[in-house]
Amino acid sequence: MKEDAGKMKKIVVMHRASIGDMLLATPVYREIKNTYPHAQLILVTSYAGKELMQGNPYIDHMMAYEKGDSWLRIVKAIWRADAAIILDHHYRNAFFAFLAMIPKRIGRGKDFVNVHVEPREETKPIYEPMNHLRLAEFVGVYGKDTRLEPLCPSEQEKKHVRNILRENLVESGKLVLMAPYSLDSLKDWEPAKYRETAERLQEKGCAVAIIGGKENRQRAEQDFPGIVNLVGLTNLRETYWLISESDLLLCGCTSVLHICATTATHALAIYGPSSPASWAPRKNCTVVSREFPCSPCYNIKFPPCNDNQCIKSISVDEVWEQVARLI
């Protein structure tokens, strides 16, 4: 049942997660504000999450912390809020909500600091934003709109992207971006296959550029000689604008895919162990994947998967068939 909108003065969402997971939670902020427009919405997140969500119109205040930071300022900021929705599985977030004496503490964990959570029996995979929205139901938020909210680059950031494109001679013709690296290499299509696909695109007159986090810049230089390397040259909001200015994104199950989902640009996503039903965008996204008896697999490190055929078995020709259709 929906709470009295006038009684909901302060709602806290706690989410310290990866970039992709942060984006998948953005429908929750929108639906909370649509339901309780006059309530203050506070997001407790990581420093990277705070930077990512900068400019989000539904968040009134953000608090960032990392392990080792003082917890007292967090507890003070959220003290006696009406409700706390803990979207991640970090026990610190749940414990902070407990210390702040928040009466409604909604989370997925089963420890004593989370309350108001009922187990659900699922027979099929659920798109992750819907999982987040289901938690919000416990505070009377029943919105089902899973559209991800776009990032908010400044005019200076947009100008920086235009300069990068001009300096790297990728202003003319169709632009295809490739994001070959994720947080887990077992989810990544082989660089040689990306490279062959890039060469075919270049033969068709397309401009091709590699994007990703700065930690992979040197690796991209080695993996993609002769291809424009934009890895590490843009922050997250600039990456959003760069994708917006492109014609196609080719990638795996990575945060860049979810950034693309907030734009009008089509994505071609190559999925291996993770489930497209749970993680692939619901619009402007074509998925190439293979089903194996062990699919989907989220336990690819412990014990380690020694032969991830789910991604290795996907050929360049399979991907190219979809690329040629989309370009």
Protein backbone atom coordinates (compact mmCIF):
# COMPACT_ATOMS: atom_id res chain seq x y z
CA MET A 1 0.00 0.00 0.00
CA LYS A 2 1.26 3.50 -0.86
CA GLU A 3 2.44 5.53 2.12
CA ASP A 4 0.90 8.92 2.80
CA ALA A 5 2.94 11.16 0.47
CA GLY A 6 2.88 13.96 3.06
CA LYS A 7 4.47 11.75 5.69
CA MET A 8 7.41 10.69 3.55
CA LYS A 9 9.92 13.49 4.16
CA LYS A 10 13.23 11.72 3.61
CA ILE A 11 14.02 8.54 1.67
CA VAL A 12 17.51 7.05 1.48
CA VAL A 13 18.76 4.79 -1.31
CA MET A 14 22.04 3.02 -0.56
CA HIS A 15 23.96 1.66 -3.51
CA ARG A 16 27.72 1.17 -3.73
CA ALA A 17 28.16 -0.88 -6.87
CA SER A 18 29.90 -1.01 -10.24
CA ILE A 19 29.16 1.55 -12.95
CA GLY A 20 26.76 -0.72 -14.80
CA ASP A 21 24.87 -1.66 -11.65
CA MET A 22 24.60 2.02 -10.70
CA LEU A 23 22.97 2.81 -14.04
CA LEU A 24 20.57 -0.12 -13.71
CA ALA A 25 19.30 1.43 -10.47
CA THR A 26 18.37 4.81 -11.99
CA PRO A 27 14.70 3.85 -12.59
CA VAL A 28 14.31 3.58 -8.80
CA TYR A 29 15.24 7.24 -8.24
CA ARG A 30 12.79 8.39 -10.90
CA GLU A 31 9.91 6.27 -9.61
CA ILE A 32 10.48 7.33 -6.00
CA LYS A 33 10.29 10.99 -7.00
CA ASN A 34 7.23 10.37 -9.17
CA THR A 35 5.51 8.80 -6.16
CA TYR A 36 6.81 11.18 -3.48
CA PRO A 37 7.69 14.43 -5.31
CA HIS A 38 8.16 16.43 -2.10
CA ALA A 39 10.33 13.93 -0.24
CA GLN A 40 14.09 14.44 -0.04
CA LEU A 41 15.93 11.64 -1.85
CA ILE A 42 19.44 10.92 -0.56
CA LEU A 43 21.81 8.53 -2.34
CA VAL A 44 24.59 6.89 -0.33
CA THR A 45 27.17 5.54 -2.74
CA SER A 46 30.87 5.34 -3.61
CA TYR A 47 32.90 8.30 -4.84
CA ALA A 48 32.75 6.86 -8.38
CA GLY A 49 28.99 6.48 -8.02
CA LYS A 50 28.67 10.09 -6.90
CA GLU A 51 30.56 11.29 -9.95
CA LEU A 52 28.45 9.09 -12.22
CA MET A 53 25.14 10.36 -10.83
CA GLN A 54 26.15 14.03 -10.88
CA GLY A 55 23.29 16.02 -12.38
CA ASN A 56 20.63 13.35 -11.93
CA PRO A 57 17.41 15.37 -11.54
CA TYR A 58 15.77 12.98 -9.08
CA ILE A 59 18.53 12.88 -6.44
CA ASP A 60 18.51 15.76 -3.95
CA HIS A 61 21.70 14.92 -2.08
CA MET A 62 24.54 12.41 -2.34
CA MET A 63 26.86 11.04 0.33
CA ALA A 64 29.96 9.11 -0.75
CA TYR A 65 32.25 6.90 1.29
CA GLU A 66 34.82 4.16 0.92
CA LYS A 67 36.03 1.54 3.36
CA GLY A 68 37.93 3.24 6.17
CA ASP A 69 36.03 6.54 5.98
CA SER A 70 34.24 7.88 9.04
CA TRP A 71 30.76 6.42 9.32
CA LEU A 72 29.48 9.14 11.64
CA ARG A 73 28.84 11.72 8.91
CA ILE A 74 26.80 9.17 6.94
CA VAL A 75 24.65 8.30 9.92
CA LYS A 76 24.10 11.99 10.67
CA ALA A 77 23.04 12.73 7.09
CA ILE A 78 20.44 9.95 7.01
CA TRP A 79 19.38 10.18 10.67
CA ARG A 80 15.80 9.05 11.20
CA ALA A 81 14.88 9.07 7.52
CA ASP A 82 11.48 7.56 6.82
CA ALA A 83 12.85 4.67 4.78
CA ALA A 84 16.11 3.22 3.47
CA ILE A 85 16.28 1.03 0.37
CA ILE A 86 19.53 -0.95 0.28
CA LEU A 87 20.00 -2.00 -3.35
CA ASP A 88 23.39 -3.65 -3.01
CA HIS A 89 24.67 -6.39 -0.70
CA HIS A 90 27.11 -4.26 1.32
CA TYR A 91 26.53 -4.94 4.99
CA ARG A 92 27.92 -1.49 5.89
CA ASN A 93 25.05 0.23 4.08
CA ALA A 94 22.50 -1.86 5.91
CA PHE A 95 24.27 -1.28 9.23
CA PHE A 96 24.41 2.50 8.68
CA ALA A 97 20.64 2.51 8.12
CA PHE A 98 20.24 0.52 11.34
CA LEU A 99 22.44 2.94 13.32
CA ALA A 100 20.51 5.89 11.87
CA MET A 101 17.31 4.47 13.43
CA ILE A 102 15.47 4.34 10.12
CA PRO A 103 12.23 2.43 10.76
CA LYS A 104 11.78 0.98 7.27
CA ARG A 105 14.95 -0.74 6.05
CA ILE A 106 14.44 -2.65 2.83
CA GLY A 107 17.13 -4.92 1.44
CA ARG A 108 17.87 -8.28 -0.11
CA GLY A 109 19.90 -9.60 2.81
CA LYS A 110 18.47 -11.70 5.61
CA ASP A 111 20.51 -10.29 8.50
CA PHE A 112 18.96 -8.40 11.40
CA VAL A 113 19.60 -4.93 9.96
CA ASN A 114 17.25 -5.44 6.98
CA VAL A 115 13.51 -5.69 7.46
CA HIS A 116 10.40 -5.66 5.29
CA VAL A 117 11.73 -8.15 2.76
CA GLU A 118 9.74 -11.12 1.55
CA PRO A 119 11.29 -14.02 -0.37
CA ARG A 120 10.18 -14.38 -3.99
CA GLU A 121 10.04 -17.56 -6.00
CA GLU A 122 11.14 -16.80 -9.57
CA THR A 123 10.66 -19.17 -12.50
CA LYS A 124 12.48 -17.04 -15.08
CA PRO A 125 15.22 -14.37 -15.14
CA ILE A 126 14.16 -10.85 -14.21
CA TYR A 127 15.67 -7.71 -15.75
CA GLU A 128 17.81 -6.21 -12.99
CA PRO A 129 16.10 -2.77 -12.86
CA MET A 130 12.84 -4.58 -12.12
CA ASN A 131 14.50 -6.32 -9.17
CA HIS A 132 15.39 -2.89 -7.81
CA LEU A 133 11.88 -1.57 -8.39
CA ARG A 134 10.44 -4.53 -6.52
CA LEU A 135 12.33 -3.47 -3.41
CA ALA A 136 10.82 0.00 -3.74
CA GLU A 137 7.36 -1.55 -3.54
CA PHE A 138 7.90 -1.91 0.22
CA VAL A 139 7.68 1.89 0.54
CA GLY A 140 4.67 2.20 -1.75
CA VAL A 141 6.50 2.81 -5.04
CA TYR A 142 4.83 0.71 -7.72
CA GLY A 143 6.26 2.14 -10.93
CA LYS A 144 7.29 -0.45 -13.54
CA ASP A 145 9.16 1.79 -15.98
CA THR A 146 12.63 0.25 -16.38
CA ARG A 147 14.06 2.91 -18.71
CA LEU A 148 17.54 3.90 -17.58
CA GLU A 149 18.17 7.58 -16.92
CA PRO A 150 20.75 9.31 -19.15
CA LEU A 151 23.91 10.85 -17.78
CA CYS A 152 24.25 14.63 -17.74
CA PRO A 153 27.41 15.91 -19.46
CA SER A 154 28.24 19.60 -19.28
CA GLU A 155 28.74 21.74 -22.37
CA GLN A 156 32.47 21.66 -21.67
CA GLU A 157 32.40 17.86 -21.63
CA LYS A 158 30.49 17.78 -24.91
CA LYS A 159 33.07 20.11 -26.43
CA HIS A 160 35.86 17.83 -25.22
CA VAL A 161 34.26 14.90 -27.04
CA ARG A 162 33.94 16.88 -30.26
CA ASN A 163 37.62 17.84 -30.02
CA ILE A 164 38.63 14.20 -29.50
CA LEU A 165 36.68 13.13 -32.57
CA ARG A 166 38.19 15.92 -34.67
CA GLU A 167 41.75 15.26 -33.49
CA ASN A 168 41.43 11.55 -34.24
CA LEU A 169 39.90 12.05 -37.69
CA VAL A 170 36.65 10.24 -36.94
CA GLU A 171 34.26 13.05 -37.89
CA SER A 172 33.19 11.78 -41.30
CA GLY A 173 31.27 8.65 -42.27
CA LYS A 174 29.62 6.24 -39.87
CA LEU A 175 31.30 5.82 -36.50
CA VAL A 176 31.36 2.43 -34.79
CA LEU A 177 32.64 2.20 -31.22
CA MET A 178 34.00 -0.99 -29.71
CA ALA A 179 34.28 -1.61 -25.96
CA PRO A 180 36.09 -4.95 -25.77
CA TYR A 181 36.98 -5.03 -22.06
CA SER A 182 34.81 -5.73 -19.02
CA LEU A 183 35.62 -6.26 -15.34
CA ASP A 184 35.86 -10.00 -15.97
CA SER A 185 37.88 -11.25 -18.93
CA LEU A 186 35.87 -14.49 -19.02
CA LYS A 187 32.94 -12.42 -20.33
CA ASP A 188 35.01 -10.82 -23.09
CA TRP A 189 34.99 -11.79 -26.76
CA GLU A 190 38.53 -12.31 -28.02
CA PRO A 191 40.40 -9.14 -29.14
CA ALA A 192 41.44 -10.81 -32.41
CA LYS A 193 37.76 -11.22 -33.32
CA TYR A 194 37.02 -7.60 -32.49
CA ARG A 195 40.01 -6.62 -34.62
CA GLU A 196 38.83 -8.66 -37.61
CA THR A 197 35.38 -7.11 -37.30
CA ALA A 198 36.95 -3.64 -37.14
CA GLU A 199 38.94 -4.33 -40.31
CA ARG A 200 35.77 -5.37 -42.15
CA LEU A 201 34.08 -2.17 -41.02
CA GLN A 202 36.99 -0.07 -42.21
CA GLU A 203 36.78 -1.76 -45.59
CA LYS A 204 33.16 -0.57 -45.79
CA GLY A 205 34.29 3.02 -45.09
CA CYS A 206 33.30 3.18 -41.42
CA ALA A 207 35.40 4.88 -38.78
CA VAL A 208 36.16 2.56 -35.85
CA ALA A 209 37.36 3.56 -32.39
CA ILE A 210 38.09 1.59 -29.20
CA ILE A 211 36.71 2.95 -25.92
CA GLY A 212 36.97 1.91 -22.28
CA GLY A 213 38.58 2.70 -18.93
CA LYS A 214 42.04 4.21 -18.68
CA GLU A 215 43.39 1.06 -17.02
CA ASN A 216 43.07 -0.69 -20.40
CA ARG A 217 44.66 1.97 -22.61
CA GLN A 218 48.04 0.25 -23.02
CA ARG A 219 46.34 -3.09 -23.57
CA ALA A 220 44.21 -1.57 -26.34
CA GLU A 221 47.33 -0.20 -28.04
CA GLN A 222 48.69 -3.74 -28.21
CA ASP A 223 45.43 -5.45 -29.16
CA PHE A 224 44.28 -2.97 -31.82
CA PRO A 225 47.20 -1.53 -33.79
CA GLY A 226 46.06 0.79 -36.56
CA ILE A 227 42.66 1.42 -34.96
CA VAL A 228 41.82 4.70 -33.22
CA ASN A 229 42.35 4.25 -29.49
CA LEU A 230 40.10 6.48 -27.37
CA VAL A 231 40.44 4.28 -24.27
CA GLY A 232 40.81 6.39 -21.15
CA LEU A 233 40.33 9.74 -22.90
CA THR A 234 36.80 10.39 -21.64
CA ASN A 235 35.11 10.38 -18.27
CA LEU A 236 31.80 8.56 -17.86
CA ARG A 237 29.57 11.48 -18.85
CA GLU A 238 31.79 12.16 -21.86
CA THR A 239 31.60 8.49 -22.78
CA TYR A 240 27.82 8.84 -22.75
CA TRP A 241 28.04 11.77 -25.17
CA LEU A 242 30.60 9.98 -27.35
CA ILE A 243 28.24 7.01 -27.69
CA SER A 244 25.38 9.39 -28.44
CA GLU A 245 27.39 10.76 -31.36
CA SER A 246 28.15 7.30 -32.80
CA ASP A 247 26.17 4.99 -35.08
CA LEU A 248 26.77 1.64 -33.37
CA LEU A 249 28.38 0.21 -30.24
CA LEU A 250 29.88 -3.28 -30.28
CA CYS A 251 30.65 -4.70 -26.84
CA GLY A 252 30.07 -7.46 -24.32
CA CYS A 253 28.28 -7.46 -20.97
CA THR A 254 29.93 -4.31 -19.63
CA SER A 255 29.07 -0.96 -18.08
CA VAL A 256 29.48 0.78 -21.44
CA LEU A 257 26.52 -1.25 -22.71
CA HIS A 258 24.31 0.22 -20.00
CA ILE A 259 25.56 3.72 -20.76
CA CYS A 260 24.58 3.09 -24.38
CA ALA A 261 21.11 2.03 -23.22
CA THR A 262 20.51 5.62 -22.07
CA THR A 263 21.16 6.95 -25.60
CA ALA A 264 19.47 6.50 -28.99
CA THR A 265 22.48 4.57 -30.33
CA HIS A 266 22.02 0.89 -31.11
CA ALA A 267 24.20 -1.66 -29.31
CA LEU A 268 25.30 -5.06 -30.52
CA ALA A 269 26.05 -7.02 -27.37
CA ILE A 270 28.03 -10.27 -27.33
CA TYR A 271 26.98 -12.32 -24.30
CA GLY A 272 28.84 -15.28 -22.84
CA PRO A 273 28.31 -16.54 -19.27
CA SER A 274 25.88 -13.87 -18.05
CA SER A 275 22.18 -13.87 -18.84
CA PRO A 276 20.88 -11.42 -21.49
CA ALA A 277 17.43 -11.78 -19.95
CA SER A 278 18.74 -10.32 -16.70
CA TRP A 279 21.30 -7.84 -17.95
CA ALA A 280 20.81 -6.85 -21.62
CA PRO A 281 19.11 -3.50 -22.36
CA ARG A 282 15.47 -3.63 -23.36
CA LYS A 283 15.72 -1.14 -26.23
CA ASN A 284 18.10 -0.52 -29.14
CA CYS A 285 20.07 -3.67 -28.38
CA THR A 286 20.77 -6.76 -30.48
CA VAL A 287 22.22 -9.72 -28.58
CA VAL A 288 24.48 -12.42 -29.98
CA SER A 289 24.86 -15.36 -27.59
CA ARG A 290 25.10 -19.13 -27.34
CA GLU A 291 23.21 -21.34 -24.92
CA PHE A 292 25.16 -24.06 -23.12
CA PRO A 293 24.01 -26.54 -20.46
CA CYS A 294 25.83 -24.43 -17.84
CA SER A 295 24.30 -21.14 -19.02
CA PRO A 296 23.86 -18.70 -17.45
CA CYS A 297 26.88 -18.87 -15.17
CA TYR A 298 27.67 -16.39 -12.42
CA ASN A 299 30.21 -18.58 -10.65
CA ILE A 300 32.93 -18.22 -13.28
CA LYS A 301 35.74 -17.60 -10.84
CA PHE A 302 35.07 -19.93 -7.89
CA PRO A 303 35.73 -22.55 -9.12
CA PRO A 304 37.31 -20.99 -12.21
CA CYS A 305 35.93 -21.73 -15.67
CA ASN A 306 38.77 -23.16 -17.74
CA ASP A 307 36.98 -23.27 -21.07
CA ASN A 308 34.40 -20.53 -21.55
CA GLN A 309 33.04 -21.82 -24.83
CA CYS A 310 29.90 -19.74 -24.30
CA ILE A 311 31.86 -16.72 -25.54
CA LYS A 312 34.69 -18.38 -27.48
CA SER A 313 32.30 -20.27 -29.76
CA ILE A 314 30.78 -17.07 -31.16
CA SER A 315 32.37 -16.47 -34.56
CA VAL A 316 33.22 -13.26 -36.39
CA ASP A 317 30.79 -14.25 -39.14
CA GLU A 318 27.91 -14.51 -36.65
CA VAL A 319 28.63 -11.06 -35.29
CA TRP A 320 29.31 -9.59 -38.74
CA GLU A 321 25.92 -10.75 -39.99
CA GLN A 322 24.30 -8.52 -37.37
CA VAL A 323 26.76 -5.65 -37.84
CA ALA A 324 26.10 -5.55 -41.60
CA ARG A 325 22.37 -5.43 -40.93
CA LEU A 326 22.69 -2.53 -38.49
CA ILE A 327 25.17 -0.31 -40.32
